[in-house]
């Protein structure tokens, strides 16, 4: 039983940390004042998929999946906002 608890704890920490990798991406976009190196198709495609998965995560009894979805929706929405804001041309 302890192994499963450890695995769940690691999964929970990863569910929080993984979406945090969006923060350096946002910072780089703002510093450069450009998002030209990020594909709009990619950013919008990933965002739409995240939004489509979100309801499943929000109602899931699994706290790891729920946490990941909440963090991912919030942070990737900021990626999309800054990608669109700093798009030139």
PDB file of N, CA and C in Angstrom:
ATOM      1  N   UNK A   1       0.814  -1.204   0.000  1.00  0.00           N
ATOM      2  CA  UNK A   1       0.000   0.000   0.000  1.00  0.00           C
ATOM      3  C   UNK A   1       0.857   1.267   0.000  1.00  0.00           C
ATOM      4  N   UNK A   2       2.007   1.214   0.673  1.00  0.00           N
ATOM      5  CA  UNK A   2       2.865   2.388   0.744  1.00  0.00           C
ATOM      6  C   UNK A   2       3.421   2.772  -0.622  1.00  0.00           C
ATOM      7  N   UNK A   3       3.678   1.791  -1.465  1.00  0.00           N
ATOM      8  CA  UNK A   3       4.188   2.061  -2.810  1.00  0.00           C
ATOM      9  C   UNK A   3       3.162   2.856  -3.623  1.00  0.00           C
ATOM     10  N   UNK A   4       1.903   2.482  -3.512  1.00  0.00           N
ATOM     11  CA  UNK A   4       0.843   3.196  -4.236  1.00  0.00           C
ATOM     12  C   UNK A   4       0.717   4.618  -3.713  1.00  0.00           C
ATOM     13  N   UNK A   5       0.824   4.809  -2.410  1.00  0.00           N
ATOM     14  CA  UNK A   5       0.784   6.159  -1.840  1.00  0.00           C
ATOM     15  C   UNK A   5       1.929   7.007  -2.379  1.00  0.00           C
ATOM     16  N   UNK A   6       3.117   6.427  -2.449  1.00  0.00           N
ATOM     17  CA  UNK A   6       4.283   7.146  -2.964  1.00  0.00           C
ATOM     18  C   UNK A   6       4.073   7.513  -4.441  1.00  0.00           C
ATOM     19  N   UNK A   7       3.590   6.564  -5.212  1.00  0.00           N
ATOM     20  CA  UNK A   7       3.331   6.816  -6.635  1.00  0.00           C
ATOM     21  C   UNK A   7       2.314   7.937  -6.798  1.00  0.00           C
ATOM     22  N   UNK A   8       1.268   7.930  -5.995  1.00  0.00           N
ATOM     23  CA  UNK A   8       0.263   8.987  -6.070  1.00  0.00           C
ATOM     24  C   UNK A   8       0.839  10.342  -5.666  1.00  0.00           C
ATOM     25  N   UNK A   9       1.713  10.362  -4.668  1.00  0.00           N
ATOM     26  CA  UNK A   9       2.341  11.615  -4.260  1.00  0.00           C
ATOM     27  C   UNK A   9       3.236  12.167  -5.368  1.00  0.00           C
ATOM     28  N   UNK A  10       4.004  11.287  -5.990  1.00  0.00           N
ATOM     29  CA  UNK A  10       4.868  11.713  -7.100  1.00  0.00           C
ATOM     30  C   UNK A  10       4.009  12.234  -8.250  1.00  0.00           C
ATOM     31  N   UNK A  11       2.941  11.532  -8.558  1.00  0.00           N
ATOM     32  CA  UNK A  11       2.036  11.971  -9.620  1.00  0.00           C
ATOM     33  C   UNK A  11       1.410  13.320  -9.325  1.00  0.00           C
ATOM     34  N   UNK A  12       1.038  13.546  -8.076  1.00  0.00           N
ATOM     35  CA  UNK A  12       0.437  14.820  -7.682  1.00  0.00           C
ATOM     36  C   UNK A  12       1.439  15.964  -7.839  1.00  0.00           C
ATOM     37  N   UNK A  13       2.671  15.740  -7.391  1.00  0.00           N
ATOM     38  CA  UNK A  13       3.711  16.769  -7.537  1.00  0.00           C
ATOM     39  C   UNK A  13       3.968  17.045  -9.021  1.00  0.00           C
ATOM     40  N   UNK A  14       4.030  16.006  -9.832  1.00  0.00           N
ATOM     41  CA  UNK A  14       4.245  16.177 -11.271  1.00  0.00           C
ATOM     42  C   UNK A  14       3.073  16.921 -11.914  1.00  0.00           C
ATOM     43  N   UNK A  15       1.857  16.669 -11.444  1.00  0.00           N
ATOM     44  CA  UNK A  15       0.675  17.351 -11.981  1.00  0.00           C
ATOM     45  C   UNK A  15       0.743  18.851 -11.728  1.00  0.00           C
ATOM     46  N   UNK A  16       1.407  19.242 -10.658  1.00  0.00           N
ATOM     47  CA  UNK A  16       1.577  20.662 -10.360  1.00  0.00           C
ATOM     48  C   UNK A  16       2.764  21.235 -11.128  1.00  0.00           C
ATOM     49  N   UNK A  17       3.873  20.497 -11.174  1.00  0.00           N
ATOM     50  CA  UNK A  17       5.102  21.009 -11.780  1.00  0.00           C
ATOM     51  C   UNK A  17       5.026  21.086 -13.309  1.00  0.00           C
ATOM     52  N   UNK A  18       4.462  20.080 -13.953  1.00  0.00           N
ATOM     53  CA  UNK A  18       4.452  20.054 -15.419  1.00  0.00           C
ATOM     54  C   UNK A  18       3.870  21.328 -16.035  1.00  0.00           C
ATOM     55  N   UNK A  19       2.699  21.783 -15.627  1.00  0.00           N
ATOM     56  CA  UNK A  19       2.188  23.021 -16.224  1.00  0.00           C
ATOM     57  C   UNK A  19       3.020  24.261 -15.888  1.00  0.00           C
ATOM     58  N   UNK A  20       3.815  24.208 -14.824  1.00  0.00           N
ATOM     59  CA  UNK A  20       4.646  25.360 -14.479  1.00  0.00           C
ATOM     60  C   UNK A  20       5.722  25.629 -15.530  1.00  0.00           C
ATOM     61  N   UNK A  21       6.018  24.643 -16.375  1.00  0.00           N
ATOM     62  CA  UNK A  21       6.992  24.851 -17.454  1.00  0.00           C
ATOM     63  C   UNK A  21       6.479  25.853 -18.475  1.00  0.00           C
ATOM     64  N   UNK A  22       5.202  26.204 -18.411  1.00  0.00           N
ATOM     65  CA  UNK A  22       4.672  27.248 -19.285  1.00  0.00           C
ATOM     66  C   UNK A  22       5.155  28.635 -18.874  1.00  0.00           C
ATOM     67  N   UNK A  23       5.516  28.808 -17.611  1.00  0.00           N
ATOM     68  CA  UNK A  23       5.933  30.129 -17.119  1.00  0.00           C
ATOM     69  C   UNK A  23       7.199  30.628 -17.818  1.00  0.00           C
ATOM     70  N   UNK A  24       8.273  29.812 -17.960  1.00  0.00           N
ATOM     71  CA  UNK A  24       9.438  30.308 -18.703  1.00  0.00           C
ATOM     72  C   UNK A  24       9.102  30.655 -20.160  1.00  0.00           C
ATOM     73  N   UNK A  25       8.192  29.905 -20.759  1.00  0.00           N
ATOM     74  CA  UNK A  25       7.773  30.201 -22.129  1.00  0.00           C
ATOM     75  C   UNK A  25       7.120  31.578 -22.180  1.00  0.00           C
ATOM     76  N   UNK A  26       6.240  31.861 -21.244  1.00  0.00           N
ATOM     77  CA  UNK A  26       5.575  33.164 -21.191  1.00  0.00           C
ATOM     78  C   UNK A  26       6.595  34.270 -20.963  1.00  0.00           C
ATOM     79  N   UNK A  27       7.513  34.043 -20.031  1.00  0.00           N
ATOM     80  CA  UNK A  27       8.545  35.051 -19.734  1.00  0.00           C
ATOM     81  C   UNK A  27       9.385  35.342 -20.976  1.00  0.00           C
ATOM     82  N   UNK A  28       9.778  34.304 -21.714  1.00  0.00           N
ATOM     83  CA  UNK A  28      10.572  34.518 -22.931  1.00  0.00           C
ATOM     84  C   UNK A  28       9.792  35.307 -23.976  1.00  0.00           C
ATOM     85  N   UNK A  29       8.523  35.031 -24.117  1.00  0.00           N
ATOM     86  CA  UNK A  29       7.700  35.782 -25.078  1.00  0.00           C
ATOM     87  C   UNK A  29       7.675  37.258 -24.689  1.00  0.00           C
ATOM     88  N   UNK A  30       7.458  37.534 -23.427  1.00  0.00           N
ATOM     89  CA  UNK A  30       7.373  38.919 -22.957  1.00  0.00           C
ATOM     90  C   UNK A  30       8.723  39.617 -23.096  1.00  0.00           C
ATOM     91  N   UNK A  31       9.818  38.949 -22.717  1.00  0.00           N
ATOM     92  CA  UNK A  31      11.152  39.548 -22.830  1.00  0.00           C
ATOM     93  C   UNK A  31      11.486  39.914 -24.273  1.00  0.00           C
ATOM     94  N   UNK A  32      11.191  38.977 -25.195  1.00  0.00           N
ATOM     95  CA  UNK A  32      11.513  39.211 -26.609  1.00  0.00           C
ATOM     96  C   UNK A  32      10.489  40.100 -27.295  1.00  0.00           C
ATOM     97  N   UNK A  33       9.311  40.230 -26.665  1.00  0.00           N
ATOM     98  CA  UNK A  33       8.193  40.954 -27.265  1.00  0.00           C
ATOM     99  C   UNK A  33       7.810  40.351 -28.608  1.00  0.00           C
ATOM    100  N   UNK A  34       7.952  39.034 -28.683  1.00  0.00           N
ATOM    101  CA  UNK A  34       7.614  38.325 -29.913  1.00  0.00           C
ATOM    102  C   UNK A  34       7.267  36.871 -29.590  1.00  0.00           C
ATOM    103  N   UNK A  35       6.315  36.348 -30.355  1.00  0.00           N
ATOM    104  CA  UNK A  35       5.974  34.929 -30.242  1.00  0.00           C
ATOM    105  C   UNK A  35       6.096  34.239 -31.597  1.00  0.00           C
ATOM    106  N   UNK A  36       6.916  34.822 -32.456  1.00  0.00           N
ATOM    107  CA  UNK A  36       7.055  34.302 -33.821  1.00  0.00           C
ATOM    108  C   UNK A  36       7.597  32.871 -33.865  1.00  0.00           C
ATOM    109  N   UNK A  37       8.338  32.446 -32.859  1.00  0.00           N
ATOM    110  CA  UNK A  37       8.908  31.102 -32.869  1.00  0.00           C
ATOM    111  C   UNK A  37       7.906  30.041 -32.389  1.00  0.00           C
ATOM    112  N   UNK A  38       6.705  30.476 -32.034  1.00  0.00           N
ATOM    113  CA  UNK A  38       5.673  29.551 -31.582  1.00  0.00           C
ATOM    114  C   UNK A  38       4.585  29.478 -32.645  1.00  0.00           C
ATOM    115  N   UNK A  39       4.297  28.293 -33.087  1.00  0.00           N
ATOM    116  CA  UNK A  39       3.263  28.094 -34.095  1.00  0.00           C
ATOM    117  C   UNK A  39       1.892  28.398 -33.506  1.00  0.00           C
ATOM    118  N   UNK A  40       1.146  29.271 -34.187  1.00  0.00           N
ATOM    119  CA  UNK A  40      -0.221  29.553 -33.745  1.00  0.00           C
ATOM    120  C   UNK A  40      -1.085  28.302 -33.811  1.00  0.00           C
ATOM    121  N   UNK A  41      -0.896  27.490 -34.861  1.00  0.00           N
ATOM    122  CA  UNK A  41      -1.660  26.246 -34.985  1.00  0.00           C
ATOM    123  C   UNK A  41      -1.388  25.325 -33.803  1.00  0.00           C
ATOM    124  N   UNK A  42      -0.125  25.238 -33.415  1.00  0.00           N
ATOM    125  CA  UNK A  42       0.234  24.394 -32.272  1.00  0.00           C
ATOM    126  C   UNK A  42      -0.393  24.923 -30.985  1.00  0.00           C
ATOM    127  N   UNK A  43      -0.195  26.220 -30.711  1.00  0.00           N
ATOM    128  CA  UNK A  43      -0.696  26.807 -29.461  1.00  0.00           C
ATOM    129  C   UNK A  43      -2.211  26.687 -29.367  1.00  0.00           C
ATOM    130  N   UNK A  44      -2.905  27.035 -30.437  1.00  0.00           N
ATOM    131  CA  UNK A  44      -4.371  26.963 -30.403  1.00  0.00           C
ATOM    132  C   UNK A  44      -4.863  25.519 -30.393  1.00  0.00           C
ATOM    133  N   UNK A  45      -4.174  24.636 -31.093  1.00  0.00           N
ATOM    134  CA  UNK A  45      -4.554  23.225 -31.104  1.00  0.00           C
ATOM    135  C   UNK A  45      -4.410  22.580 -29.736  1.00  0.00           C
ATOM    136  N   UNK A  46      -3.281  22.845 -29.075  1.00  0.00           N
ATOM    137  CA  UNK A  46      -3.067  22.308 -27.733  1.00  0.00           C
ATOM    138  C   UNK A  46      -4.097  22.894 -26.767  1.00  0.00           C
ATOM    139  N   UNK A  47      -4.351  24.187 -26.881  1.00  0.00           N
ATOM    140  CA  UNK A  47      -5.293  24.859 -25.982  1.00  0.00           C
ATOM    141  C   UNK A  47      -6.711  24.304 -26.133  1.00  0.00           C
ATOM    142  N   UNK A  48      -7.140  24.111 -27.376  1.00  0.00           N
ATOM    143  CA  UNK A  48      -8.474  23.541 -27.610  1.00  0.00           C
ATOM    144  C   UNK A  48      -8.557  22.134 -27.011  1.00  0.00           C
ATOM    145  N   UNK A  49      -7.529  21.335 -27.204  1.00  0.00           N
ATOM    146  CA  UNK A  49      -7.531  19.987 -26.625  1.00  0.00           C
ATOM    147  C   UNK A  49      -7.564  20.033 -25.099  1.00  0.00           C
ATOM    148  N   UNK A  50      -6.822  20.952 -24.516  1.00  0.00           N
ATOM    149  CA  UNK A  50      -6.838  21.110 -23.059  1.00  0.00           C
ATOM    150  C   UNK A  50      -8.242  21.498 -22.597  1.00  0.00           C
ATOM    151  N   UNK A  51      -8.868  22.416 -23.313  1.00  0.00           N
ATOM    152  CA  UNK A  51     -10.226  22.833 -22.944  1.00  0.00           C
ATOM    153  C   UNK A  51     -11.230  21.694 -23.096  1.00  0.00           C
ATOM    154  N   UNK A  52     -11.044  20.857 -24.110  1.00  0.00           N
ATOM    155  CA  UNK A  52     -11.953  19.727 -24.302  1.00  0.00           C
ATOM    156  C   UNK A  52     -11.760  18.653 -23.232  1.00  0.00           C
ATOM    157  N   UNK A  53     -10.526  18.506 -22.735  1.00  0.00           N
ATOM    158  CA  UNK A  53     -10.255  17.533 -21.671  1.00  0.00           C
ATOM    159  C   UNK A  53     -10.644  18.059 -20.294  1.00  0.00           C
ATOM    160  N   UNK A  54     -10.694  19.356 -20.132  1.00  0.00           N
ATOM    161  CA  UNK A  54     -10.893  19.972 -18.821  1.00  0.00           C
ATOM    162  C   UNK A  54     -12.152  19.502 -18.096  1.00  0.00           C
ATOM    163  N   UNK A  55     -13.311  19.433 -18.741  1.00  0.00           N
ATOM    164  CA  UNK A  55     -14.497  18.983 -17.995  1.00  0.00           C
ATOM    165  C   UNK A  55     -14.311  17.599 -17.364  1.00  0.00           C
ATOM    166  N   UNK A  56     -13.633  16.717 -18.062  1.00  0.00           N
ATOM    167  CA  UNK A  56     -13.347  15.395 -17.515  1.00  0.00           C
ATOM    168  C   UNK A  56     -12.493  15.509 -16.256  1.00  0.00           C
ATOM    169  N   UNK A  57     -11.524  16.382 -16.293  1.00  0.00           N
ATOM    170  CA  UNK A  57     -10.651  16.572 -15.141  1.00  0.00           C
ATOM    171  C   UNK A  57     -11.355  17.247 -13.979  1.00  0.00           C
ATOM    172  N   UNK A  58     -12.207  18.207 -14.282  1.00  0.00           N
ATOM    173  CA  UNK A  58     -12.888  18.951 -13.227  1.00  0.00           C
ATOM    174  C   UNK A  58     -13.844  18.077 -12.420  1.00  0.00           C
ATOM    175  N   UNK A  59     -14.444  17.081 -13.055  1.00  0.00           N
ATOM    176  CA  UNK A  59     -15.409  16.229 -12.345  1.00  0.00           C
ATOM    177  C   UNK A  59     -14.804  14.900 -11.900  1.00  0.00           C
ATOM    178  N   UNK A  60     -13.553  14.681 -12.213  1.00  0.00           N
ATOM    179  CA  UNK A  60     -12.902  13.421 -11.865  1.00  0.00           C
ATOM    180  C   UNK A  60     -12.716  13.278 -10.356  1.00  0.00           C
ATOM    181  N   UNK A  61     -12.917  12.080  -9.843  1.00  0.00           N
ATOM    182  CA  UNK A  61     -12.621  11.858  -8.428  1.00  0.00           C
ATOM    183  C   UNK A  61     -11.109  11.761  -8.155  1.00  0.00           C
ATOM    184  N   UNK A  62     -10.318  11.653  -9.221  1.00  0.00           N
ATOM    185  CA  UNK A  62      -8.862  11.542  -9.087  1.00  0.00           C
ATOM    186  C   UNK A  62      -8.261  12.935  -8.855  1.00  0.00           C
ATOM    187  N   UNK A  63      -7.711  13.188  -7.679  1.00  0.00           N
ATOM    188  CA  UNK A  63      -7.170  14.528  -7.391  1.00  0.00           C
ATOM    189  C   UNK A  63      -5.972  14.891  -8.264  1.00  0.00           C
ATOM    190  N   UNK A  64      -5.231  13.900  -8.738  1.00  0.00           N
ATOM    191  CA  UNK A  64      -4.071  14.176  -9.590  1.00  0.00           C
ATOM    192  C   UNK A  64      -4.535  14.698 -10.948  1.00  0.00           C
ATOM    193  N   UNK A  65      -5.487  14.029 -11.550  1.00  0.00           N
ATOM    194  CA  UNK A  65      -6.024  14.450 -12.856  1.00  0.00           C
ATOM    195  C   UNK A  65      -6.714  15.802 -12.730  1.00  0.00           C
ATOM    196  N   UNK A  66      -7.459  16.013 -11.639  1.00  0.00           N
ATOM    197  CA  UNK A  66      -8.164  17.277 -11.417  1.00  0.00           C
ATOM    198  C   UNK A  66      -7.164  18.423 -11.261  1.00  0.00           C
ATOM    199  N   UNK A  67      -6.130  18.218 -10.458  1.00  0.00           N
ATOM    200  CA  UNK A  67      -5.112  19.246 -10.235  1.00  0.00           C
ATOM    201  C   UNK A  67      -4.385  19.589 -11.528  1.00  0.00           C
ATOM    202  N   UNK A  68      -3.985  18.556 -12.274  1.00  0.00           N
ATOM    203  CA  UNK A  68      -3.289  18.784 -13.540  1.00  0.00           C
ATOM    204  C   UNK A  68      -4.151  19.615 -14.484  1.00  0.00           C
ATOM    205  N   UNK A  69      -5.425  19.276 -14.593  1.00  0.00           N
ATOM    206  CA  UNK A  69      -6.307  20.010 -15.499  1.00  0.00           C
ATOM    207  C   UNK A  69      -6.477  21.463 -15.091  1.00  0.00           C
ATOM    208  N   UNK A  70      -6.670  21.708 -13.818  1.00  0.00           N
ATOM    209  CA  UNK A  70      -6.834  23.087 -13.351  1.00  0.00           C
ATOM    210  C   UNK A  70      -5.586  23.902 -13.649  1.00  0.00           C
ATOM    211  N   UNK A  71      -4.424  23.362 -13.283  1.00  0.00           N
ATOM    212  CA  UNK A  71      -3.161  24.071 -13.527  1.00  0.00           C
ATOM    213  C   UNK A  71      -2.926  24.277 -15.025  1.00  0.00           C
ATOM    214  N   UNK A  72      -3.185  23.251 -15.811  1.00  0.00           N
ATOM    215  CA  UNK A  72      -2.917  23.318 -17.239  1.00  0.00           C
ATOM    216  C   UNK A  72      -3.833  24.311 -17.946  1.00  0.00           C
ATOM    217  N   UNK A  73      -5.113  24.306 -17.597  1.00  0.00           N
ATOM    218  CA  UNK A  73      -6.043  25.260 -18.216  1.00  0.00           C
ATOM    219  C   UNK A  73      -5.600  26.686 -17.920  1.00  0.00           C
ATOM    220  N   UNK A  74      -5.287  26.964 -16.679  1.00  0.00           N
ATOM    221  CA  UNK A  74      -4.900  28.328 -16.294  1.00  0.00           C
ATOM    222  C   UNK A  74      -3.612  28.758 -16.995  1.00  0.00           C
ATOM    223  N   UNK A  75      -2.560  27.960 -16.859  1.00  0.00           N
ATOM    224  CA  UNK A  75      -1.266  28.390 -17.377  1.00  0.00           C
ATOM    225  C   UNK A  75      -1.202  28.363 -18.904  1.00  0.00           C
ATOM    226  N   UNK A  76      -1.817  27.360 -19.540  1.00  0.00           N
ATOM    227  CA  UNK A  76      -1.741  27.355 -21.005  1.00  0.00           C
ATOM    228  C   UNK A  76      -2.638  28.426 -21.611  1.00  0.00           C
ATOM    229  N   UNK A  77      -3.681  28.817 -20.902  1.00  0.00           N
ATOM    230  CA  UNK A  77      -4.482  29.956 -21.372  1.00  0.00           C
ATOM    231  C   UNK A  77      -3.613  31.204 -21.421  1.00  0.00           C
ATOM    232  N   UNK A  78      -2.745  31.381 -20.420  1.00  0.00           N
ATOM    233  CA  UNK A  78      -1.820  32.511 -20.451  1.00  0.00           C
ATOM    234  C   UNK A  78      -0.836  32.394 -21.611  1.00  0.00           C
ATOM    235  N   UNK A  79      -0.374  31.189 -21.909  1.00  0.00           N
ATOM    236  CA  UNK A  79       0.513  30.998 -23.068  1.00  0.00           C
ATOM    237  C   UNK A  79      -0.191  31.479 -24.330  1.00  0.00           C
ATOM    238  N   UNK A  80      -1.425  31.084 -24.515  1.00  0.00           N
ATOM    239  CA  UNK A  80      -2.177  31.474 -25.718  1.00  0.00           C
ATOM    240  C   UNK A  80      -2.391  32.990 -25.743  1.00  0.00           C
ATOM    241  N   UNK A  81      -2.758  33.559 -24.609  1.00  0.00           N
ATOM    242  CA  UNK A  81      -2.970  35.011 -24.552  1.00  0.00           C
ATOM    243  C   UNK A  81      -1.704  35.763 -24.946  1.00  0.00           C
ATOM    244  N   UNK A  82      -0.569  35.389 -24.358  1.00  0.00           N
ATOM    245  CA  UNK A  82       0.680  36.084 -24.663  1.00  0.00           C
ATOM    246  C   UNK A  82       1.176  35.775 -26.072  1.00  0.00           C
ATOM    247  N   UNK A  83       0.912  34.566 -26.557  1.00  0.00           N
ATOM    248  CA  UNK A  83       1.285  34.235 -27.932  1.00  0.00           C
ATOM    249  C   UNK A  83       0.517  35.126 -28.909  1.00  0.00           C
ATOM    250  N   UNK A  84      -0.753  35.304 -28.674  1.00  0.00           N
ATOM    251  CA  UNK A  84      -1.560  36.169 -29.552  1.00  0.00           C
ATOM    252  C   UNK A  84      -1.210  37.637 -29.373  1.00  0.00           C
ATOM    253  N   UNK A  85      -0.986  38.057 -28.138  1.00  0.00           N
ATOM    254  CA  UNK A  85      -0.668  39.469 -27.875  1.00  0.00           C
ATOM    255  C   UNK A  85       0.644  39.885 -28.532  1.00  0.00           C
ATOM    256  N   UNK A  86       1.637  39.019 -28.484  1.00  0.00           N
ATOM    257  CA  UNK A  86       2.968  39.375 -29.004  1.00  0.00           C
ATOM    258  C   UNK A  86       3.221  38.857 -30.417  1.00  0.00           C
ATOM    259  N   UNK A  87       2.165  38.506 -31.106  1.00  0.00           N
ATOM    260  CA  UNK A  87       2.302  38.064 -32.490  1.00  0.00           C
ATOM    261  C   UNK A  87       2.445  39.288 -33.367  1.00  0.00           C
ATOM    262  N   UNK A  88       3.475  39.298 -34.190  1.00  0.00           N
ATOM    263  CA  UNK A  88       3.686  40.442 -35.094  1.00  0.00           C
ATOM    264  C   UNK A  88       3.519  39.959 -36.532  1.00  0.00           C
ATOM    265  N   UNK A  89       2.842  40.780 -37.297  1.00  0.00           N
ATOM    266  CA  UNK A  89       2.685  40.468 -38.724  1.00  0.00           C
ATOM    267  C   UNK A  89       1.573  39.545 -38.924  1.00  0.00           C
TER     268      UNK A  89
END
